[in-house]
Amino acid sequence: MLNQYETVFILTPVLSDTQMKEAVEKFRKLILDEGGEIVNEENWGLRKLAYPIQKKSTGFYTLMEFKAKPEFIENLEVQYRRDERVIRFLTFKMDKYAIQYSEKRRNNKKEEKEK
């Protein structure tokens, strides 16, 4: 059975646009290759960090919602740790309320764009 997860990772701000997209694509491919399914992906762009990490004060934020087997998460997080482009990450399993909230949020965004 597949669980639904949400992961946010922050990439170092020294990357070019192409390098940033390559890093995001690497993690997207990792999820899909393991039989996962991407529900939603948002690029939040360059944002200020709450506190400096590795002497950086900004980073590229990416959010991915996906469905995957529980044992895949450990593999994903090992890949985050091995990739020097990733300065922080957080992955959590979504419960039914988080899934409903996320769907509602996406629908609201869609409606705003259509206006």
PDB file of N, CA and C in Angstrom:
ATOM      1  N   MET A   1       0.831  -1.190   0.000  1.00  0.00           N
ATOM      2  CA  MET A   1       0.000   0.000   0.000  1.00  0.00           C
ATOM      3  C   MET A   1       0.878   1.257   0.000  1.00  0.00           C
ATOM      4  N   LEU A   2       0.447   2.259  -0.741  1.00  0.00           N
ATOM      5  CA  LEU A   2       1.213   3.498  -0.804  1.00  0.00           C
ATOM      6  C   LEU A   2       0.665   4.510   0.195  1.00  0.00           C
ATOM      7  N   ASN A   3       1.570   5.160   0.909  1.00  0.00           N
ATOM      8  CA  ASN A   3       1.193   6.253   1.808  1.00  0.00           C
ATOM      9  C   ASN A   3       1.442   7.562   1.083  1.00  0.00           C
ATOM     10  N   GLN A   4       0.787   8.613   1.523  1.00  0.00           N
ATOM     11  CA  GLN A   4       1.034   9.925   0.932  1.00  0.00           C
ATOM     12  C   GLN A   4       1.974  10.710   1.833  1.00  0.00           C
ATOM     13  N   TYR A   5       2.985  11.322   1.208  1.00  0.00           N
ATOM     14  CA  TYR A   5       4.003  12.077   1.929  1.00  0.00           C
ATOM     15  C   TYR A   5       4.131  13.469   1.333  1.00  0.00           C
ATOM     16  N   GLU A   6       4.702  14.345   2.142  1.00  0.00           N
ATOM     17  CA  GLU A   6       5.043  15.676   1.666  1.00  0.00           C
ATOM     18  C   GLU A   6       6.500  15.879   2.037  1.00  0.00           C
ATOM     19  N   THR A   7       7.285  16.356   1.104  1.00  0.00           N
ATOM     20  CA  THR A   7       8.690  16.635   1.400  1.00  0.00           C
ATOM     21  C   THR A   7       9.015  18.040   0.912  1.00  0.00           C
ATOM     22  N   VAL A   8       9.768  18.749   1.718  1.00  0.00           N
ATOM     23  CA  VAL A   8      10.268  20.065   1.326  1.00  0.00           C
ATOM     24  C   VAL A   8      11.781  19.977   1.442  1.00  0.00           C
ATOM     25  N   PHE A   9      12.466  20.402   0.386  1.00  0.00           N
ATOM     26  CA  PHE A   9      13.927  20.448   0.498  1.00  0.00           C
ATOM     27  C   PHE A   9      14.430  21.803   0.034  1.00  0.00           C
ATOM     28  N   ILE A  10      15.540  22.214   0.630  1.00  0.00           N
ATOM     29  CA  ILE A  10      16.132  23.521   0.339  1.00  0.00           C
ATOM     30  C   ILE A  10      17.476  23.278  -0.335  1.00  0.00           C
ATOM     31  N   LEU A  11      17.622  23.862  -1.510  1.00  0.00           N
ATOM     32  CA  LEU A  11      18.871  23.739  -2.264  1.00  0.00           C
ATOM     33  C   LEU A  11      19.726  24.983  -2.041  1.00  0.00           C
ATOM     34  N   THR A  12      21.022  24.813  -2.073  1.00  0.00           N
ATOM     35  CA  THR A  12      21.947  25.922  -1.864  1.00  0.00           C
ATOM     36  C   THR A  12      21.714  27.028  -2.913  1.00  0.00           C
ATOM     37  N   PRO A  13      21.801  28.295  -2.506  1.00  0.00           N
ATOM     38  CA  PRO A  13      21.503  29.405  -3.429  1.00  0.00           C
ATOM     39  C   PRO A  13      22.577  29.652  -4.481  1.00  0.00           C
ATOM     40  N   VAL A  14      23.717  28.959  -4.393  1.00  0.00           N
ATOM     41  CA  VAL A  14      24.787  29.209  -5.365  1.00  0.00           C
ATOM     42  C   VAL A  14      24.565  28.488  -6.695  1.00  0.00           C
ATOM     43  N   LEU A  15      23.485  27.704  -6.792  1.00  0.00           N
ATOM     44  CA  LEU A  15      23.216  26.954  -8.024  1.00  0.00           C
ATOM     45  C   LEU A  15      22.654  27.867  -9.107  1.00  0.00           C
ATOM     46  N   SER A  16      22.964  27.521 -10.360  1.00  0.00           N
ATOM     47  CA  SER A  16      22.329  28.220 -11.479  1.00  0.00           C
ATOM     48  C   SER A  16      20.918  27.659 -11.616  1.00  0.00           C
ATOM     49  N   ASP A  17      20.104  28.299 -12.414  1.00  0.00           N
ATOM     50  CA  ASP A  17      18.731  27.842 -12.632  1.00  0.00           C
ATOM     51  C   ASP A  17      18.727  26.410 -13.171  1.00  0.00           C
ATOM     52  N   THR A  18      19.642  26.123 -14.098  1.00  0.00           N
ATOM     53  CA  THR A  18      19.737  24.786 -14.693  1.00  0.00           C
ATOM     54  C   THR A  18      20.125  23.747 -13.648  1.00  0.00           C
ATOM     55  N   GLN A  19      21.113  24.066 -12.822  1.00  0.00           N
ATOM     56  CA  GLN A  19      21.563  23.132 -11.779  1.00  0.00           C
ATOM     57  C   GLN A  19      20.449  22.859 -10.775  1.00  0.00           C
ATOM     58  N   MET A  20      19.661  23.898 -10.446  1.00  0.00           N
ATOM     59  CA  MET A  20      18.558  23.739  -9.513  1.00  0.00           C
ATOM     60  C   MET A  20      17.517  22.787 -10.108  1.00  0.00           C
ATOM     61  N   LYS A  21      17.184  23.006 -11.385  1.00  0.00           N
ATOM     62  CA  LYS A  21      16.193  22.148 -12.046  1.00  0.00           C
ATOM     63  C   LYS A  21      16.689  20.702 -12.135  1.00  0.00           C
ATOM     64  N   GLU A  22      17.992  20.518 -12.366  1.00  0.00           N
ATOM     65  CA  GLU A  22      18.570  19.164 -12.421  1.00  0.00           C
ATOM     66  C   GLU A  22      18.422  18.456 -11.082  1.00  0.00           C
ATOM     67  N   ALA A  23      18.660  19.186  -9.984  1.00  0.00           N
ATOM     68  CA  ALA A  23      18.549  18.600  -8.648  1.00  0.00           C
ATOM     69  C   ALA A  23      17.104  18.186  -8.370  1.00  0.00           C
ATOM     70  N   VAL A  24      16.150  19.059  -8.701  1.00  0.00           N
ATOM     71  CA  VAL A  24      14.725  18.748  -8.490  1.00  0.00           C
ATOM     72  C   VAL A  24      14.337  17.533  -9.326  1.00  0.00           C
ATOM     73  N   GLU A  25      14.806  17.497 -10.565  1.00  0.00           N
ATOM     74  CA  GLU A  25      14.500  16.379 -11.472  1.00  0.00           C
ATOM     75  C   GLU A  25      15.059  15.061 -10.926  1.00  0.00           C
ATOM     76  N   LYS A  26      16.245  15.116 -10.322  1.00  0.00           N
ATOM     77  CA  LYS A  26      16.868  13.920  -9.745  1.00  0.00           C
ATOM     78  C   LYS A  26      15.943  13.295  -8.698  1.00  0.00           C
ATOM     79  N   PHE A  27      15.387  14.134  -7.804  1.00  0.00           N
ATOM     80  CA  PHE A  27      14.527  13.612  -6.737  1.00  0.00           C
ATOM     81  C   PHE A  27      13.159  13.186  -7.280  1.00  0.00           C
ATOM     82  N   ARG A  28      12.667  13.897  -8.288  1.00  0.00           N
ATOM     83  CA  ARG A  28      11.400  13.506  -8.925  1.00  0.00           C
ATOM     84  C   ARG A  28      11.561  12.117  -9.558  1.00  0.00           C
ATOM     85  N   LYS A  29      12.675  11.924 -10.268  1.00  0.00           N
ATOM     86  CA  LYS A  29      12.942  10.642 -10.941  1.00  0.00           C
ATOM     87  C   LYS A  29      13.098   9.517  -9.912  1.00  0.00           C
ATOM     88  N   LEU A  30      13.762   9.819  -8.793  1.00  0.00           N
ATOM     89  CA  LEU A  30      13.959   8.835  -7.732  1.00  0.00           C
ATOM     90  C   LEU A  30      12.610   8.317  -7.222  1.00  0.00           C
ATOM     91  N   ILE A  31      11.674   9.228  -7.003  1.00  0.00           N
ATOM     92  CA  ILE A  31      10.336   8.850  -6.522  1.00  0.00           C
ATOM     93  C   ILE A  31       9.629   7.973  -7.565  1.00  0.00           C
ATOM     94  N   LEU A  32       9.657   8.408  -8.816  1.00  0.00           N
ATOM     95  CA  LEU A  32       8.963   7.673  -9.882  1.00  0.00           C
ATOM     96  C   LEU A  32       9.603   6.309 -10.148  1.00  0.00           C
ATOM     97  N   ASP A  33      10.939   6.238 -10.097  1.00  0.00           N
ATOM     98  CA  ASP A  33      11.644   4.967 -10.344  1.00  0.00           C
ATOM     99  C   ASP A  33      11.330   3.916  -9.288  1.00  0.00           C
ATOM    100  N   GLU A  34      10.985   4.373  -8.085  1.00  0.00           N
ATOM    101  CA  GLU A  34      10.668   3.450  -6.990  1.00  0.00           C
ATOM    102  C   GLU A  34       9.182   3.091  -6.955  1.00  0.00           C
ATOM    103  N   GLY A  35       8.471   3.413  -8.034  1.00  0.00           N
ATOM    104  CA  GLY A  35       7.049   3.071  -8.088  1.00  0.00           C
ATOM    105  C   GLY A  35       6.167   4.081  -7.391  1.00  0.00           C
ATOM    106  N   GLY A  36       6.735   5.235  -7.053  1.00  0.00           N
ATOM    107  CA  GLY A  36       5.949   6.289  -6.418  1.00  0.00           C
ATOM    108  C   GLY A  36       5.160   7.079  -7.447  1.00  0.00           C
ATOM    109  N   GLU A  37       4.341   7.972  -6.944  1.00  0.00           N
ATOM    110  CA  GLU A  37       3.499   8.773  -7.834  1.00  0.00           C
ATOM    111  C   GLU A  37       3.479  10.194  -7.278  1.00  0.00           C
ATOM    112  N   ILE A  38       3.806  11.173  -8.118  1.00  0.00           N
ATOM    113  CA  ILE A  38       3.852  12.560  -7.664  1.00  0.00           C
ATOM    114  C   ILE A  38       2.453  13.162  -7.772  1.00  0.00           C
ATOM    115  N   VAL A  39       1.967  13.677  -6.645  1.00  0.00           N
ATOM    116  CA  VAL A  39       0.625  14.256  -6.576  1.00  0.00           C
ATOM    117  C   VAL A  39       0.679  15.744  -6.899  1.00  0.00           C
ATOM    118  N   ASN A  40       1.702  16.416  -6.371  1.00  0.00           N
ATOM    119  CA  ASN A  40       1.815  17.863  -6.552  1.00  0.00           C
ATOM    120  C   ASN A  40       3.270  18.263  -6.377  1.00  0.00           C
ATOM    121  N   GLU A  41       3.662  19.290  -7.118  1.00  0.00           N
ATOM    122  CA  GLU A  41       5.026  19.806  -6.991  1.00  0.00           C
ATOM    123  C   GLU A  41       4.966  21.317  -7.085  1.00  0.00           C
ATOM    124  N   GLU A  42       5.630  21.988  -6.161  1.00  0.00           N
ATOM    125  CA  GLU A  42       5.645  23.451  -6.173  1.00  0.00           C
ATOM    126  C   GLU A  42       7.071  23.943  -5.996  1.00  0.00           C
ATOM    127  N   ASN A  43       7.460  24.861  -6.854  1.00  0.00           N
ATOM    128  CA  ASN A  43       8.757  25.509  -6.715  1.00  0.00           C
ATOM    129  C   ASN A  43       8.495  26.846  -6.032  1.00  0.00           C
ATOM    130  N   TRP A  44       8.952  26.980  -4.792  1.00  0.00           N
ATOM    131  CA  TRP A  44       8.715  28.213  -4.046  1.00  0.00           C
ATOM    132  C   TRP A  44       9.790  29.258  -4.319  1.00  0.00           C
ATOM    133  N   GLY A  45      10.800  28.895  -5.095  1.00  0.00           N
ATOM    134  CA  GLY A  45      11.836  29.850  -5.474  1.00  0.00           C
ATOM    135  C   GLY A  45      12.824  30.161  -4.358  1.00  0.00           C
ATOM    136  N   LEU A  46      13.565  31.232  -4.561  1.00  0.00           N
ATOM    137  CA  LEU A  46      14.605  31.644  -3.615  1.00  0.00           C
ATOM    138  C   LEU A  46      13.951  32.373  -2.448  1.00  0.00           C
ATOM    139  N   ARG A  47      14.178  31.867  -1.238  1.00  0.00           N
ATOM    140  CA  ARG A  47      13.591  32.483  -0.037  1.00  0.00           C
ATOM    141  C   ARG A  47      14.655  32.661   1.031  1.00  0.00           C
ATOM    142  N   LYS A  48      14.390  33.615   1.896  1.00  0.00           N
ATOM    143  CA  LYS A  48      15.302  33.860   3.024  1.00  0.00           C
ATOM    144  C   LYS A  48      15.115  32.750   4.062  1.00  0.00           C
ATOM    145  N   LEU A  49      16.227  32.250   4.596  1.00  0.00           N
ATOM    146  CA  LEU A  49      16.170  31.230   5.634  1.00  0.00           C
ATOM    147  C   LEU A  49      15.926  31.882   7.000  1.00  0.00           C
ATOM    148  N   ALA A  50      15.336  31.149   7.915  1.00  0.00           N
ATOM    149  CA  ALA A  50      15.084  31.664   9.259  1.00  0.00           C
ATOM    150  C   ALA A  50      16.400  31.922   9.997  1.00  0.00           C
ATOM    151  N   TYR A  51      17.412  31.128   9.676  1.00  0.00           N
ATOM    152  CA  TYR A  51      18.741  31.304  10.275  1.00  0.00           C
ATOM    153  C   TYR A  51      19.763  30.788   9.265  1.00  0.00           C
ATOM    154  N   PRO A  52      21.002  31.280   9.323  1.00  0.00           N
ATOM    155  CA  PRO A  52      22.008  30.844   8.335  1.00  0.00           C
ATOM    156  C   PRO A  52      22.307  29.342   8.428  1.00  0.00           C
ATOM    157  N   ILE A  53      22.421  28.701   7.280  1.00  0.00           N
ATOM    158  CA  ILE A  53      22.806  27.293   7.200  1.00  0.00           C
ATOM    159  C   ILE A  53      24.016  27.243   6.275  1.00  0.00           C
ATOM    160  N   GLN A  54      25.095  26.664   6.745  1.00  0.00           N
ATOM    161  CA  GLN A  54      26.349  26.599   5.967  1.00  0.00           C
ATOM    162  C   GLN A  54      26.747  27.995   5.446  1.00  0.00           C
ATOM    163  N   LYS A  55      26.577  28.989   6.300  1.00  0.00           N
ATOM    164  CA  LYS A  55      26.900  30.391   5.978  1.00  0.00           C
ATOM    165  C   LYS A  55      26.056  30.958   4.836  1.00  0.00           C
ATOM    166  N   LYS A  56      24.923  30.336   4.545  1.00  0.00           N
ATOM    167  CA  LYS A  56      24.008  30.836   3.502  1.00  0.00           C
ATOM    168  C   LYS A  56      22.772  31.412   4.199  1.00  0.00           C
ATOM    169  N   SER A  57      22.250  32.506   3.662  1.00  0.00           N
ATOM    170  CA  SER A  57      21.062  33.099   4.293  1.00  0.00           C
ATOM    171  C   SER A  57      19.806  32.902   3.435  1.00  0.00           C
ATOM    172  N   THR A  58      19.987  32.346   2.221  1.00  0.00           N
ATOM    173  CA  THR A  58      18.841  32.063   1.351  1.00  0.00           C
ATOM    174  C   THR A  58      18.976  30.652   0.773  1.00  0.00           C
ATOM    175  N   GLY A  59      17.893  30.166   0.176  1.00  0.00           N
ATOM    176  CA  GLY A  59      17.928  28.856  -0.459  1.00  0.00           C
ATOM    177  C   GLY A  59      16.735  28.686  -1.388  1.00  0.00           C
ATOM    178  N   PHE A  60      16.845  27.749  -2.324  1.00  0.00           N
ATOM    179  CA  PHE A  60      15.749  27.436  -3.247  1.00  0.00           C
ATOM    180  C   PHE A  60      14.859  26.371  -2.601  1.00  0.00           C
ATOM    181  N   TYR A  61      13.609  26.708  -2.367  1.00  0.00           N
ATOM    182  CA  TYR A  61      12.666  25.788  -1.728  1.00  0.00           C
ATOM    183  C   TYR A  61      11.856  25.040  -2.776  1.00  0.00           C
ATOM    184  N   THR A  62      11.685  23.732  -2.565  1.00  0.00           N
ATOM    185  CA  THR A  62      10.828  22.916  -3.424  1.00  0.00           C
ATOM    186  C   THR A  62       9.967  22.029  -2.540  1.00  0.00           C
ATOM    187  N   LEU A  63       8.677  21.959  -2.858  1.00  0.00           N
ATOM    188  CA  LEU A  63       7.751  21.092  -2.138  1.00  0.00           C
ATOM    189  C   LEU A  63       7.260  20.015  -3.101  1.00  0.00           C
ATOM    190  N   MET A  64       7.242  18.782  -2.658  1.00  0.00           N
ATOM    191  CA  MET A  64       6.677  17.686  -3.452  1.00  0.00           C
ATOM    192  C   MET A  64       5.737  16.884  -2.576  1.00  0.00           C
ATOM    193  N   GLU A  65       4.561  16.618  -3.104  1.00  0.00           N
ATOM    194  CA  GLU A  65       3.637  15.685  -2.458  1.00  0.00           C
ATOM    195  C   GLU A  65       3.657  14.439  -3.313  1.00  0.00           C
ATOM    196  N   PHE A  66       3.808  13.296  -2.685  1.00  0.00           N
ATOM    197  CA  PHE A  66       3.891  12.068  -3.475  1.00  0.00           C
ATOM    198  C   PHE A  66       3.367  10.879  -2.690  1.00  0.00           C
ATOM    199  N   LYS A  67       3.070   9.831  -3.426  1.00  0.00           N
ATOM    200  CA  LYS A  67       2.656   8.567  -2.819  1.00  0.00           C
ATOM    201  C   LYS A  67       3.793   7.578  -3.030  1.00  0.00           C
ATOM    202  N   ALA A  68       4.118   6.834  -1.978  1.00  0.00           N
ATOM    203  CA  ALA A  68       5.215   5.868  -2.071  1.00  0.00           C
ATOM    204  C   ALA A  68       5.080   4.836  -0.963  1.00  0.00           C
ATOM    205  N   LYS A  69       5.873   3.771  -1.093  1.00  0.00           N
ATOM    206  CA  LYS A  69       5.920   2.745  -0.048  1.00  0.00           C
ATOM    207  C   LYS A  69       6.690   3.306   1.147  1.00  0.00           C
ATOM    208  N   PRO A  70       6.292   2.923   2.372  1.00  0.00           N
ATOM    209  CA  PRO A  70       6.959   3.464   3.566  1.00  0.00           C
ATOM    210  C   PRO A  70       8.477   3.253   3.585  1.00  0.00           C
ATOM    211  N   GLU A  71       8.937   2.108   3.082  1.00  0.00           N
ATOM    212  CA  GLU A  71      10.376   1.823   3.130  1.00  0.00           C
ATOM    213  C   GLU A  71      11.194   2.696   2.171  1.00  0.00           C
ATOM    214  N   PHE A  72      10.536   3.382   1.238  1.00  0.00           N
ATOM    215  CA  PHE A  72      11.239   4.238   0.281  1.00  0.00           C
ATOM    216  C   PHE A  72      11.772   5.517   0.943  1.00  0.00           C
ATOM    217  N   ILE A  73      11.104   5.986   1.986  1.00  0.00           N
ATOM    218  CA  ILE A  73      11.456   7.273   2.592  1.00  0.00           C
ATOM    219  C   ILE A  73      12.900   7.297   3.095  1.00  0.00           C
ATOM    220  N   GLU A  74      13.333   6.207   3.692  1.00  0.00           N
ATOM    221  CA  GLU A  74      14.714   6.133   4.186  1.00  0.00           C
ATOM    222  C   GLU A  74      15.697   6.321   3.027  1.00  0.00           C
ATOM    223  N   ASN A  75      15.428   5.662   1.906  1.00  0.00           N
ATOM    224  CA  ASN A  75      16.265   5.781   0.711  1.00  0.00           C
ATOM    225  C   ASN A  75      16.293   7.233   0.212  1.00  0.00           C
ATOM    226  N   LEU A  76      15.123   7.876   0.168  1.00  0.00           N
ATOM    227  CA  LEU A  76      15.035   9.263  -0.288  1.00  0.00           C
ATOM    228  C   LEU A  76      15.885  10.177   0.604  1.00  0.00           C
ATOM    229  N   GLU A  77      15.769   9.988   1.910  1.00  0.00           N
ATOM    230  CA  GLU A  77      16.497  10.862   2.829  1.00  0.00           C
ATOM    231  C   GLU A  77      18.007  10.619   2.783  1.00  0.00           C
ATOM    232  N   VAL A  78      18.415   9.386   2.512  1.00  0.00           N
ATOM    233  CA  VAL A  78      19.844   9.102   2.325  1.00  0.00           C
ATOM    234  C   VAL A  78      20.346   9.870   1.094  1.00  0.00           C
ATOM    235  N   GLN A  79      19.533   9.898   0.034  1.00  0.00           N
ATOM    236  CA  GLN A  79      19.915  10.632  -1.179  1.00  0.00           C
ATOM    237  C   GLN A  79      20.019  12.136  -0.913  1.00  0.00           C
ATOM    238  N   TYR A  80      19.105  12.670  -0.097  1.00  0.00           N
ATOM    239  CA  TYR A  80      19.195  14.090   0.286  1.00  0.00           C
ATOM    240  C   TYR A  80      20.515  14.356   1.006  1.00  0.00           C
ATOM    241  N   ARG A  81      20.856  13.479   1.959  1.00  0.00           N
ATOM    242  CA  ARG A  81      22.083  13.679   2.748  1.00  0.00           C
ATOM    243  C   ARG A  81      23.338  13.585   1.880  1.00  0.00           C
ATOM    244  N   ARG A  82      23.313  12.734   0.888  1.00  0.00           N
ATOM    245  CA  ARG A  82      24.491  12.532   0.017  1.00  0.00           C
ATOM    246  C   ARG A  82      24.668  13.664  -0.994  1.00  0.00           C
ATOM    247  N   ASP A  83      23.598  14.388  -1.276  1.00  0.00           N
ATOM    248  CA  ASP A  83      23.646  15.434  -2.309  1.00  0.00           C
ATOM    249  C   ASP A  83      24.066  16.758  -1.671  1.00  0.00           C
ATOM    250  N   GLU A  84      25.246  17.245  -2.042  1.00  0.00           N
ATOM    251  CA  GLU A  84      25.769  18.470  -1.419  1.00  0.00           C
ATOM    252  C   GLU A  84      24.944  19.706  -1.784  1.00  0.00           C
ATOM    253  N   ARG A  85      24.070  19.592  -2.797  1.00  0.00           N
ATOM    254  CA  ARG A  85      23.223  20.734  -3.172  1.00  0.00           C
ATOM    255  C   ARG A  85      22.093  20.956  -2.176  1.00  0.00           C
ATOM    256  N   VAL A  86      21.725  19.911  -1.415  1.00  0.00           N
ATOM    257  CA  VAL A  86      20.615  20.001  -0.457  1.00  0.00           C
ATOM    258  C   VAL A  86      21.149  20.452   0.893  1.00  0.00           C
ATOM    259  N   ILE A  87      20.644  21.608   1.396  1.00  0.00           N
ATOM    260  CA  ILE A  87      21.133  22.082   2.697  1.00  0.00           C
ATOM    261  C   ILE A  87      20.176  21.729   3.836  1.00  0.00           C
ATOM    262  N   ARG A  88      18.903  21.490   3.541  1.00  0.00           N
ATOM    263  CA  ARG A  88      17.929  21.029   4.543  1.00  0.00           C
ATOM    264  C   ARG A  88      16.802  20.295   3.834  1.00  0.00           C
ATOM    265  N   PHE A  89      16.171  19.368   4.569  1.00  0.00           N
ATOM    266  CA  PHE A  89      14.994  18.677   4.022  1.00  0.00           C
ATOM    267  C   PHE A  89      14.104  18.240   5.160  1.00  0.00           C
ATOM    268  N   LEU A  90      12.838  18.056   4.851  1.00  0.00           N
ATOM    269  CA  LEU A  90      11.882  17.539   5.826  1.00  0.00           C
ATOM    270  C   LEU A  90      10.844  16.736   5.065  1.00  0.00           C
ATOM    271  N   THR A  91      10.597  15.509   5.508  1.00  0.00           N
ATOM    272  CA  THR A  91       9.602  14.644   4.878  1.00  0.00           C
ATOM    273  C   THR A  91       8.667  14.154   5.963  1.00  0.00           C
ATOM    274  N   PHE A  92       7.375  14.216   5.699  1.00  0.00           N
ATOM    275  CA  PHE A  92       6.460  13.642   6.674  1.00  0.00           C
ATOM    276  C   PHE A  92       5.295  12.955   5.992  1.00  0.00           C
ATOM    277  N   LYS A  93       4.748  11.964   6.695  1.00  0.00           N
ATOM    278  CA  LYS A  93       3.596  11.215   6.208  1.00  0.00           C
ATOM    279  C   LYS A  93       2.354  12.045   6.474  1.00  0.00           C
ATOM    280  N   MET A  94       1.534  12.195   5.457  1.00  0.00           N
ATOM    281  CA  MET A  94       0.321  13.001   5.587  1.00  0.00           C
ATOM    282  C   MET A  94      -0.833  12.123   6.078  1.00  0.00           C
ATOM    283  N   ASP A  95      -1.558  12.614   7.074  1.00  0.00           N
ATOM    284  CA  ASP A  95      -2.767  11.904   7.488  1.00  0.00           C
ATOM    285  C   ASP A  95      -3.932  12.398   6.622  1.00  0.00           C
ATOM    286  N   LYS A  96      -5.116  11.848   6.825  1.00  0.00           N
ATOM    287  CA  LYS A  96      -6.237  12.202   5.944  1.00  0.00           C
ATOM    288  C   LYS A  96      -6.571  13.687   6.019  1.00  0.00           C
ATOM    289  N   TYR A  97      -6.364  14.314   7.184  1.00  0.00           N
ATOM    290  CA  TYR A  97      -6.671  15.738   7.325  1.00  0.00           C
ATOM    291  C   TYR A  97      -5.669  16.597   6.552  1.00  0.00           C
ATOM    292  N   ALA A  98      -4.409  16.199   6.608  1.00  0.00           N
ATOM    293  CA  ALA A  98      -3.373  16.937   5.863  1.00  0.00           C
ATOM    294  C   ALA A  98      -3.626  16.809   4.367  1.00  0.00           C
ATOM    295  N   ILE A  99      -4.055  15.629   3.919  1.00  0.00           N
ATOM    296  CA  ILE A  99      -4.341  15.410   2.494  1.00  0.00           C
ATOM    297  C   ILE A  99      -5.524  16.285   2.065  1.00  0.00           C
ATOM    298  N   GLN A 100      -6.582  16.316   2.887  1.00  0.00           N
ATOM    299  CA  GLN A 100      -7.751  17.151   2.564  1.00  0.00           C
ATOM    300  C   GLN A 100      -7.364  18.626   2.510  1.00  0.00           C
ATOM    301  N   TYR A 101      -6.586  19.065   3.486  1.00  0.00           N
ATOM    302  CA  TYR A 101      -6.160  20.462   3.541  1.00  0.00           C
ATOM    303  C   TYR A 101      -5.353  20.817   2.288  1.00  0.00           C
ATOM    304  N   SER A 102      -4.443  19.928   1.924  1.00  0.00           N
ATOM    305  CA  SER A 102      -3.586  20.159   0.770  1.00  0.00           C
ATOM    306  C   SER A 102      -4.396  20.249  -0.521  1.00  0.00           C
ATOM    307  N   GLU A 103      -5.373  19.354  -0.666  1.00  0.00           N
ATOM    308  CA  GLU A 103      -6.228  19.381  -1.868  1.00  0.00           C
ATOM    309  C   GLU A 103      -7.024  20.681  -1.926  1.00  0.00           C
ATOM    310  N   LYS A 104      -7.538  21.106  -0.771  1.00  0.00           N
ATOM    311  CA  LYS A 104      -8.312  22.340  -0.693  1.00  0.00           C
ATOM    312  C   LYS A 104      -7.434  23.535  -1.076  1.00  0.00           C
ATOM    313  N   ARG A 105      -6.207  23.541  -0.543  1.00  0.00           N
ATOM    314  CA  ARG A 105      -5.260  24.627  -0.831  1.00  0.00           C
ATOM    315  C   ARG A 105      -4.939  24.693  -2.327  1.00  0.00           C
ATOM    316  N   ARG A 106      -4.705  23.516  -2.929  1.00  0.00           N
ATOM    317  CA  ARG A 106      -4.412  23.469  -4.372  1.00  0.00           C
ATOM    318  C   ARG A 106      -5.598  23.966  -5.188  1.00  0.00           C
ATOM    319  N   ASN A 107      -6.809  23.553  -4.808  1.00  0.00           N
ATOM    320  CA  ASN A 107      -8.010  23.998  -5.528  1.00  0.00           C
ATOM    321  C   ASN A 107      -8.192  25.507  -5.416  1.00  0.00           C
ATOM    322  N   ASN A 108      -7.926  26.062  -4.237  1.00  0.00           N
ATOM    323  CA  ASN A 108      -8.022  27.516  -4.055  1.00  0.00           C
ATOM    324  C   ASN A 108      -7.017  28.245  -4.939  1.00  0.00           C
ATOM    325  N   LYS A 109      -5.796  27.699  -5.022  1.00  0.00           N
ATOM    326  CA  LYS A 109      -4.769  28.307  -5.873  1.00  0.00           C
ATOM    327  C   LYS A 109      -5.197  28.275  -7.334  1.00  0.00           C
ATOM    328  N   LYS A 110      -5.777  27.128  -7.746  1.00  0.00           N
ATOM    329  CA  LYS A 110      -6.229  26.964  -9.117  1.00  0.00           C
ATOM    330  C   LYS A 110      -7.305  28.000  -9.458  1.00  0.00           C
ATOM    331  N   GLU A 111      -8.254  28.169  -8.525  1.00  0.00           N
ATOM    332  CA  GLU A 111      -9.337  29.130  -8.729  1.00  0.00           C
ATOM    333  C   GLU A 111      -8.798  30.549  -8.840  1.00  0.00           C
ATOM    334  N   GLU A 112      -7.795  30.885  -8.021  1.00  0.00           N
ATOM    335  CA  GLU A 112      -7.197  32.224  -8.074  1.00  0.00           C
ATOM    336  C   GLU A 112      -6.533  32.483  -9.404  1.00  0.00           C
ATOM    337  N   LYS A 113      -5.857  31.456  -9.936  1.00  0.00           N
ATOM    338  CA  LYS A 113      -5.182  31.602 -11.232  1.00  0.00           C
ATOM    339  C   LYS A 113      -6.184  31.805 -12.358  1.00  0.00           C
ATOM    340  N   GLU A 114      -7.340  31.142 -12.242  1.00  0.00           N
ATOM    341  CA  GLU A 114      -8.345  31.217 -13.316  1.00  0.00           C
ATOM    342  C   GLU A 114      -9.053  32.570 -13.358  1.00  0.00           C
ATOM    343  N   LYS A 115      -9.004  33.323 -12.257  1.00  0.00           N
ATOM    344  CA  LYS A 115      -9.695  34.618 -12.185  1.00  0.00           C
ATOM    345  C   LYS A 115      -8.971  35.686 -12.972  1.00  0.00           C
TER     346      LYS A 115
END
